[in-house]
Amino acid sequence: MKVIEHIKKAKKPLISFEILPPLKGKGIQSIYDSIDPLMEFKPSFINVTYHREEFVYKKREKGYLEKISIKKRPGTVGICAAIMNKYQVDAIPHMICGGFTKEETENALIDLNFLGIDNVLALRGDPIKTETNFIPEEGGHA
């Protein structure tokens, strides 16, 4: 159900909460352990944050530097699907535009549609740590 539909049919204030994907290497059980005690509050939906990649530079032979992308907290879409499957509650992935081309954003939205995810919280996103100001992705929306 879309968030606006939850709001329209609500007869009392809604409860929702936001979770952070676990650090890379942690499993889905850490998410379930966080959500299980909160389900007694009957949330209408659960937001799942998304975090941009970070970049590090590795020194290569002849002094060349290689830019490497690192995602510390991957899994937003998979976590949303797991939440909807286990708890039968709508999950809302954060979708950031920074760092994505228009085509990558479209592909992500198609994946969400295939999973039955009707809601998205669209955000510009923060600048990466090496930027003082936000720099839009070439060919992107932000």
N, C-alpha and C. Protein backbone atom coordinates (compact mmCIF):
# COMPACT_ATOMS: atom_id res chain seq x y z
N MET A 1 0.85 -1.17 0.00
CA MET A 1 0.00 0.00 0.00
C MET A 1 0.90 1.24 0.00
N LYS A 2 0.48 2.26 -0.69
CA LYS A 2 1.26 3.49 -0.74
C LYS A 2 1.12 4.25 0.58
N VAL A 3 2.16 4.98 0.94
CA VAL A 3 2.16 5.73 2.20
C VAL A 3 0.97 6.68 2.25
N ILE A 4 0.67 7.34 1.16
CA ILE A 4 -0.46 8.27 1.15
C ILE A 4 -1.76 7.55 1.48
N GLU A 5 -1.90 6.30 1.07
CA GLU A 5 -3.10 5.53 1.41
C GLU A 5 -3.14 5.20 2.89
N HIS A 6 -1.98 4.88 3.47
CA HIS A 6 -1.91 4.66 4.93
C HIS A 6 -2.39 5.92 5.66
N ILE A 7 -1.91 7.07 5.20
CA ILE A 7 -2.25 8.33 5.85
C ILE A 7 -3.74 8.64 5.71
N LYS A 8 -4.27 8.47 4.52
CA LYS A 8 -5.69 8.78 4.28
C LYS A 8 -6.63 7.91 5.10
N LYS A 9 -6.30 6.64 5.27
CA LYS A 9 -7.22 5.75 5.98
C LYS A 9 -6.96 5.68 7.49
N ALA A 10 -5.92 6.35 7.95
CA ALA A 10 -5.58 6.31 9.38
C ALA A 10 -6.62 7.05 10.21
N LYS A 11 -7.01 6.42 11.29
CA LYS A 11 -7.95 7.03 12.22
C LYS A 11 -7.22 7.55 13.46
N LYS A 12 -5.94 7.24 13.54
CA LYS A 12 -5.10 7.72 14.64
C LYS A 12 -3.69 7.93 14.07
N PRO A 13 -2.81 8.56 14.84
CA PRO A 13 -1.45 8.79 14.32
C PRO A 13 -0.76 7.47 13.93
N LEU A 14 0.00 7.54 12.87
CA LEU A 14 0.72 6.37 12.39
C LEU A 14 2.07 6.24 13.07
N ILE A 15 2.53 5.02 13.16
CA ILE A 15 3.87 4.73 13.67
C ILE A 15 4.68 4.18 12.51
N SER A 16 5.90 4.67 12.39
CA SER A 16 6.85 4.08 11.44
C SER A 16 8.22 4.24 12.07
N PHE A 17 9.18 3.53 11.55
CA PHE A 17 10.55 3.73 12.01
C PHE A 17 11.50 3.50 10.86
N GLU A 18 12.73 3.90 11.10
CA GLU A 18 13.76 3.85 10.07
C GLU A 18 14.90 2.98 10.55
N ILE A 19 15.39 2.13 9.67
CA ILE A 19 16.53 1.29 10.04
C ILE A 19 17.69 1.55 9.09
N LEU A 20 18.84 1.25 9.59
CA LEU A 20 20.10 1.43 8.89
C LEU A 20 20.59 0.05 8.46
N PRO A 21 20.94 -0.13 7.20
CA PRO A 21 21.50 -1.44 6.83
C PRO A 21 22.74 -1.74 7.67
N PRO A 22 22.96 -2.99 7.98
CA PRO A 22 24.14 -3.33 8.78
C PRO A 22 25.42 -3.13 7.97
N LEU A 23 26.51 -3.01 8.67
CA LEU A 23 27.80 -2.92 8.00
C LEU A 23 28.03 -4.16 7.16
N LYS A 24 28.74 -4.01 6.07
CA LYS A 24 29.03 -5.13 5.17
C LYS A 24 29.60 -6.29 5.99
N GLY A 25 29.08 -7.47 5.73
CA GLY A 25 29.53 -8.66 6.45
C GLY A 25 28.56 -9.13 7.51
N LYS A 26 27.67 -8.25 7.96
CA LYS A 26 26.64 -8.65 8.93
C LYS A 26 25.45 -9.20 8.17
N GLY A 27 24.74 -10.11 8.76
CA GLY A 27 23.62 -10.76 8.09
C GLY A 27 22.28 -10.10 8.38
N ILE A 28 21.25 -10.62 7.75
CA ILE A 28 19.89 -10.11 7.89
C ILE A 28 19.37 -10.30 9.32
N GLN A 29 19.92 -11.26 10.05
CA GLN A 29 19.45 -11.50 11.42
C GLN A 29 19.63 -10.27 12.30
N SER A 30 20.67 -9.48 12.05
CA SER A 30 20.87 -8.27 12.85
C SER A 30 19.73 -7.27 12.61
N ILE A 31 19.18 -7.27 11.40
CA ILE A 31 18.02 -6.42 11.10
C ILE A 31 16.79 -6.95 11.83
N TYR A 32 16.57 -8.26 11.73
CA TYR A 32 15.43 -8.86 12.42
C TYR A 32 15.51 -8.63 13.93
N ASP A 33 16.70 -8.73 14.49
CA ASP A 33 16.87 -8.51 15.93
C ASP A 33 16.51 -7.08 16.32
N SER A 34 16.72 -6.14 15.41
CA SER A 34 16.35 -4.74 15.68
C SER A 34 14.85 -4.52 15.52
N ILE A 35 14.26 -5.16 14.53
CA ILE A 35 12.85 -4.92 14.21
C ILE A 35 11.90 -5.70 15.13
N ASP A 36 12.25 -6.94 15.47
CA ASP A 36 11.34 -7.80 16.24
C ASP A 36 10.71 -7.09 17.45
N PRO A 37 11.50 -6.46 18.33
CA PRO A 37 10.86 -5.84 19.50
C PRO A 37 10.01 -4.62 19.16
N LEU A 38 10.22 -4.03 17.98
CA LEU A 38 9.45 -2.85 17.60
C LEU A 38 8.11 -3.18 16.94
N MET A 39 7.93 -4.41 16.54
CA MET A 39 6.70 -4.79 15.83
C MET A 39 5.46 -4.70 16.72
N GLU A 40 5.64 -4.72 18.04
CA GLU A 40 4.48 -4.57 18.93
C GLU A 40 3.80 -3.22 18.74
N PHE A 41 4.51 -2.23 18.16
CA PHE A 41 3.94 -0.91 17.92
C PHE A 41 3.17 -0.83 16.61
N LYS A 42 3.14 -1.93 15.88
CA LYS A 42 2.39 -2.04 14.62
C LYS A 42 2.70 -0.89 13.65
N PRO A 43 3.94 -0.82 13.19
CA PRO A 43 4.28 0.26 12.25
C PRO A 43 3.52 0.10 10.94
N SER A 44 3.13 1.22 10.37
CA SER A 44 2.47 1.20 9.06
C SER A 44 3.48 0.92 7.95
N PHE A 45 4.70 1.36 8.18
CA PHE A 45 5.77 1.13 7.21
C PHE A 45 7.11 1.31 7.91
N ILE A 46 8.15 0.82 7.25
CA ILE A 46 9.52 0.91 7.78
C ILE A 46 10.40 1.49 6.68
N ASN A 47 11.11 2.56 7.00
CA ASN A 47 12.08 3.16 6.08
C ASN A 47 13.41 2.44 6.20
N VAL A 48 14.09 2.26 5.08
CA VAL A 48 15.42 1.66 5.08
C VAL A 48 16.37 2.64 4.39
N THR A 49 17.37 3.10 5.12
CA THR A 49 18.28 4.10 4.57
C THR A 49 19.20 3.52 3.51
N TYR A 50 19.78 4.39 2.75
CA TYR A 50 20.75 4.02 1.72
C TYR A 50 21.97 4.91 1.91
N HIS A 51 23.14 4.34 1.75
CA HIS A 51 24.37 5.11 1.94
C HIS A 51 25.24 5.03 0.71
N ARG A 52 25.67 6.19 0.28
CA ARG A 52 26.54 6.27 -0.90
C ARG A 52 27.84 5.55 -0.67
N GLU A 53 28.43 5.16 -1.77
CA GLU A 53 29.75 4.54 -1.69
C GLU A 53 30.77 5.59 -1.27
N GLU A 54 31.87 5.11 -0.77
CA GLU A 54 33.02 5.97 -0.48
C GLU A 54 34.12 5.55 -1.42
N PHE A 55 35.08 6.42 -1.60
CA PHE A 55 36.18 6.11 -2.50
C PHE A 55 37.49 6.12 -1.75
N VAL A 56 38.32 5.16 -2.07
CA VAL A 56 39.69 5.12 -1.57
C VAL A 56 40.60 5.01 -2.79
N TYR A 57 41.83 5.38 -2.59
CA TYR A 57 42.80 5.31 -3.68
C TYR A 57 43.90 4.34 -3.28
N LYS A 58 44.12 3.35 -4.13
CA LYS A 58 45.17 2.36 -3.92
C LYS A 58 46.34 2.68 -4.82
N LYS A 59 47.51 2.62 -4.24
CA LYS A 59 48.71 2.88 -5.02
C LYS A 59 49.03 1.64 -5.86
N ARG A 60 49.25 1.86 -7.12
CA ARG A 60 49.60 0.80 -8.06
C ARG A 60 51.05 0.99 -8.51
N GLU A 61 51.49 0.06 -9.34
CA GLU A 61 52.87 0.15 -9.80
C GLU A 61 53.10 1.46 -10.56
N LYS A 62 54.33 1.91 -10.55
CA LYS A 62 54.76 3.15 -11.20
C LYS A 62 54.11 4.38 -10.57
N GLY A 63 53.62 4.25 -9.34
CA GLY A 63 53.06 5.38 -8.61
C GLY A 63 51.65 5.78 -9.01
N TYR A 64 51.02 5.03 -9.88
CA TYR A 64 49.65 5.35 -10.29
C TYR A 64 48.68 5.04 -9.15
N LEU A 65 47.64 5.85 -9.08
CA LEU A 65 46.59 5.63 -8.09
C LEU A 65 45.34 5.09 -8.78
N GLU A 66 44.71 4.12 -8.14
CA GLU A 66 43.47 3.55 -8.66
C GLU A 66 42.34 3.92 -7.70
N LYS A 67 41.28 4.52 -8.24
CA LYS A 67 40.11 4.90 -7.45
C LYS A 67 39.22 3.67 -7.28
N ILE A 68 38.93 3.31 -6.03
CA ILE A 68 38.14 2.12 -5.74
C ILE A 68 36.91 2.54 -4.93
N SER A 69 35.76 2.04 -5.35
CA SER A 69 34.49 2.32 -4.68
C SER A 69 34.25 1.28 -3.59
N ILE A 70 33.86 1.76 -2.40
CA ILE A 70 33.57 0.87 -1.27
C ILE A 70 32.19 1.21 -0.72
N LYS A 71 31.34 0.21 -0.60
CA LYS A 71 30.04 0.39 0.05
C LYS A 71 30.10 -0.27 1.42
N LYS A 72 29.97 0.54 2.46
CA LYS A 72 30.04 0.01 3.82
C LYS A 72 28.71 -0.58 4.29
N ARG A 73 27.60 -0.07 3.74
CA ARG A 73 26.27 -0.51 4.17
C ARG A 73 25.39 -0.84 2.96
N PRO A 74 25.72 -1.92 2.25
CA PRO A 74 24.89 -2.30 1.10
C PRO A 74 23.62 -3.02 1.55
N GLY A 75 22.70 -3.22 0.63
CA GLY A 75 21.58 -4.11 0.91
C GLY A 75 20.22 -3.49 1.11
N THR A 76 20.07 -2.19 0.84
CA THR A 76 18.79 -1.53 1.09
C THR A 76 17.61 -2.25 0.43
N VAL A 77 17.74 -2.58 -0.84
CA VAL A 77 16.63 -3.21 -1.57
C VAL A 77 16.34 -4.61 -1.03
N GLY A 78 17.38 -5.39 -0.80
CA GLY A 78 17.19 -6.73 -0.25
C GLY A 78 16.57 -6.71 1.13
N ILE A 79 16.98 -5.74 1.94
CA ILE A 79 16.41 -5.61 3.29
C ILE A 79 14.92 -5.26 3.19
N CYS A 80 14.57 -4.37 2.27
CA CYS A 80 13.15 -4.03 2.08
C CYS A 80 12.34 -5.26 1.71
N ALA A 81 12.85 -6.05 0.79
CA ALA A 81 12.13 -7.27 0.38
C ALA A 81 12.00 -8.23 1.56
N ALA A 82 13.06 -8.38 2.36
CA ALA A 82 13.02 -9.28 3.52
C ALA A 82 12.00 -8.80 4.56
N ILE A 83 11.96 -7.49 4.80
CA ILE A 83 11.00 -6.92 5.75
C ILE A 83 9.57 -7.19 5.29
N MET A 84 9.30 -6.93 4.03
CA MET A 84 7.94 -7.13 3.51
C MET A 84 7.54 -8.60 3.59
N ASN A 85 8.47 -9.48 3.33
CA ASN A 85 8.20 -10.92 3.37
C ASN A 85 7.98 -11.42 4.80
N LYS A 86 8.85 -11.03 5.71
CA LYS A 86 8.78 -11.55 7.08
C LYS A 86 7.67 -10.91 7.91
N TYR A 87 7.52 -9.58 7.79
CA TYR A 87 6.62 -8.87 8.69
C TYR A 87 5.30 -8.44 8.03
N GLN A 88 5.17 -8.60 6.73
CA GLN A 88 3.96 -8.17 6.02
C GLN A 88 3.67 -6.70 6.28
N VAL A 89 4.70 -5.88 6.25
CA VAL A 89 4.57 -4.44 6.43
C VAL A 89 5.31 -3.78 5.27
N ASP A 90 4.80 -2.64 4.82
CA ASP A 90 5.45 -1.94 3.71
C ASP A 90 6.83 -1.45 4.12
N ALA A 91 7.76 -1.58 3.21
CA ALA A 91 9.12 -1.08 3.42
C ALA A 91 9.38 0.01 2.38
N ILE A 92 10.02 1.07 2.82
CA ILE A 92 10.29 2.20 1.94
C ILE A 92 11.79 2.40 1.83
N PRO A 93 12.35 2.04 0.69
CA PRO A 93 13.78 2.26 0.51
C PRO A 93 14.07 3.74 0.24
N HIS A 94 15.15 4.22 0.82
CA HIS A 94 15.63 5.53 0.44
C HIS A 94 16.32 5.36 -0.90
N MET A 95 16.05 6.22 -1.83
CA MET A 95 16.65 6.18 -3.16
C MET A 95 17.38 7.50 -3.35
N ILE A 96 18.69 7.44 -3.35
CA ILE A 96 19.43 8.68 -3.55
C ILE A 96 19.78 8.84 -5.02
N CYS A 97 19.77 10.07 -5.45
CA CYS A 97 20.09 10.36 -6.85
C CYS A 97 21.58 10.62 -7.03
N GLY A 98 22.24 11.13 -5.99
CA GLY A 98 23.67 11.39 -6.08
C GLY A 98 24.44 10.10 -6.29
N GLY A 99 25.33 10.11 -7.27
CA GLY A 99 26.14 8.93 -7.53
C GLY A 99 25.53 7.97 -8.53
N PHE A 100 24.36 8.31 -9.07
CA PHE A 100 23.69 7.44 -10.04
C PHE A 100 23.39 8.21 -11.31
N THR A 101 23.52 7.54 -12.44
CA THR A 101 23.05 8.13 -13.70
C THR A 101 21.54 7.94 -13.77
N LYS A 102 20.91 8.60 -14.72
CA LYS A 102 19.47 8.44 -14.91
C LYS A 102 19.12 6.98 -15.21
N GLU A 103 19.96 6.32 -16.00
CA GLU A 103 19.72 4.92 -16.35
C GLU A 103 19.83 4.01 -15.13
N GLU A 104 20.82 4.26 -14.28
CA GLU A 104 20.97 3.45 -13.06
C GLU A 104 19.79 3.65 -12.12
N THR A 105 19.31 4.88 -12.04
CA THR A 105 18.13 5.16 -11.21
C THR A 105 16.91 4.44 -11.78
N GLU A 106 16.74 4.50 -13.08
CA GLU A 106 15.61 3.80 -13.71
C GLU A 106 15.69 2.30 -13.46
N ASN A 107 16.87 1.71 -13.60
CA ASN A 107 17.04 0.27 -13.36
C ASN A 107 16.70 -0.10 -11.92
N ALA A 108 17.12 0.74 -10.97
CA ALA A 108 16.80 0.48 -9.57
C ALA A 108 15.29 0.53 -9.34
N LEU A 109 14.62 1.49 -9.96
CA LEU A 109 13.16 1.59 -9.82
C LEU A 109 12.45 0.38 -10.43
N ILE A 110 12.98 -0.13 -11.53
CA ILE A 110 12.41 -1.34 -12.13
C ILE A 110 12.56 -2.52 -11.18
N ASP A 111 13.74 -2.67 -10.56
CA ASP A 111 13.94 -3.74 -9.58
C ASP A 111 12.94 -3.63 -8.43
N LEU A 112 12.74 -2.41 -7.92
CA LEU A 112 11.79 -2.20 -6.83
C LEU A 112 10.38 -2.59 -7.26
N ASN A 113 10.01 -2.23 -8.47
CA ASN A 113 8.70 -2.58 -8.98
C ASN A 113 8.52 -4.10 -9.05
N PHE A 114 9.53 -4.81 -9.53
CA PHE A 114 9.45 -6.27 -9.60
C PHE A 114 9.26 -6.89 -8.22
N LEU A 115 9.79 -6.25 -7.19
CA LEU A 115 9.66 -6.76 -5.82
C LEU A 115 8.34 -6.34 -5.16
N GLY A 116 7.53 -5.55 -5.85
CA GLY A 116 6.27 -5.10 -5.27
C GLY A 116 6.43 -3.94 -4.30
N ILE A 117 7.53 -3.23 -4.40
CA ILE A 117 7.77 -2.08 -3.53
C ILE A 117 7.19 -0.85 -4.21
N ASP A 118 6.12 -0.30 -3.60
CA ASP A 118 5.37 0.80 -4.20
C ASP A 118 5.83 2.18 -3.74
N ASN A 119 6.65 2.24 -2.73
CA ASN A 119 7.05 3.51 -2.14
C ASN A 119 8.55 3.69 -2.25
N VAL A 120 8.95 4.94 -2.43
CA VAL A 120 10.36 5.30 -2.47
C VAL A 120 10.49 6.65 -1.80
N LEU A 121 11.51 6.82 -0.99
CA LEU A 121 11.84 8.13 -0.45
C LEU A 121 13.02 8.64 -1.28
N ALA A 122 12.73 9.55 -2.22
CA ALA A 122 13.77 10.05 -3.13
C ALA A 122 14.50 11.22 -2.48
N LEU A 123 15.81 11.10 -2.45
CA LEU A 123 16.67 12.09 -1.82
C LEU A 123 17.83 12.43 -2.75
N ARG A 124 18.35 13.62 -2.62
CA ARG A 124 19.55 13.96 -3.38
C ARG A 124 20.73 13.16 -2.87
N GLY A 125 20.86 13.06 -1.57
CA GLY A 125 21.99 12.37 -0.96
C GLY A 125 23.05 13.36 -0.53
N ASP A 126 23.91 12.92 0.33
CA ASP A 126 24.99 13.77 0.85
C ASP A 126 26.18 13.75 -0.10
N PRO A 127 27.03 14.77 0.00
CA PRO A 127 28.27 14.70 -0.77
C PRO A 127 29.15 13.57 -0.23
N ILE A 128 29.98 13.02 -1.09
CA ILE A 128 30.92 12.01 -0.58
C ILE A 128 31.95 12.72 0.28
N LYS A 129 32.62 11.98 1.12
CA LYS A 129 33.51 12.57 2.13
C LYS A 129 34.62 13.43 1.54
N THR A 130 35.03 13.16 0.32
CA THR A 130 36.11 13.93 -0.28
C THR A 130 35.62 15.22 -0.93
N GLU A 131 34.31 15.47 -0.94
CA GLU A 131 33.74 16.68 -1.53
C GLU A 131 33.30 17.63 -0.42
N THR A 132 33.60 18.92 -0.58
CA THR A 132 33.08 19.89 0.39
C THR A 132 31.65 20.28 0.03
N ASN A 133 31.34 20.28 -1.25
CA ASN A 133 29.98 20.54 -1.73
C ASN A 133 29.53 19.35 -2.57
N PHE A 134 28.24 19.20 -2.65
CA PHE A 134 27.68 18.12 -3.46
C PHE A 134 28.01 18.35 -4.93
N ILE A 135 28.49 17.31 -5.60
CA ILE A 135 28.77 17.37 -7.03
C ILE A 135 27.87 16.34 -7.71
N PRO A 136 26.96 16.80 -8.58
CA PRO A 136 26.04 15.86 -9.24
C PRO A 136 26.79 14.86 -10.12
N GLU A 137 26.21 13.69 -10.24
CA GLU A 137 26.74 12.66 -11.13
C GLU A 137 26.48 13.09 -12.57
N GLU A 138 27.48 12.97 -13.42
CA GLU A 138 27.27 13.29 -14.82
C GLU A 138 26.22 12.34 -15.41
N GLY A 139 25.20 12.91 -16.02
CA GLY A 139 24.12 12.09 -16.57
C GLY A 139 23.10 11.67 -15.54
N GLY A 140 23.16 12.26 -14.35
CA GLY A 140 22.23 11.90 -13.28
C GLY A 140 21.16 12.96 -13.07
N HIS A 141 20.35 12.75 -12.04
CA HIS A 141 19.26 13.67 -11.73
C HIS A 141 19.67 14.75 -10.74
N ALA A 142 20.67 14.50 -9.95
CA ALA A 142 21.01 15.48 -8.90
C ALA A 142 22.37 16.07 -9.13
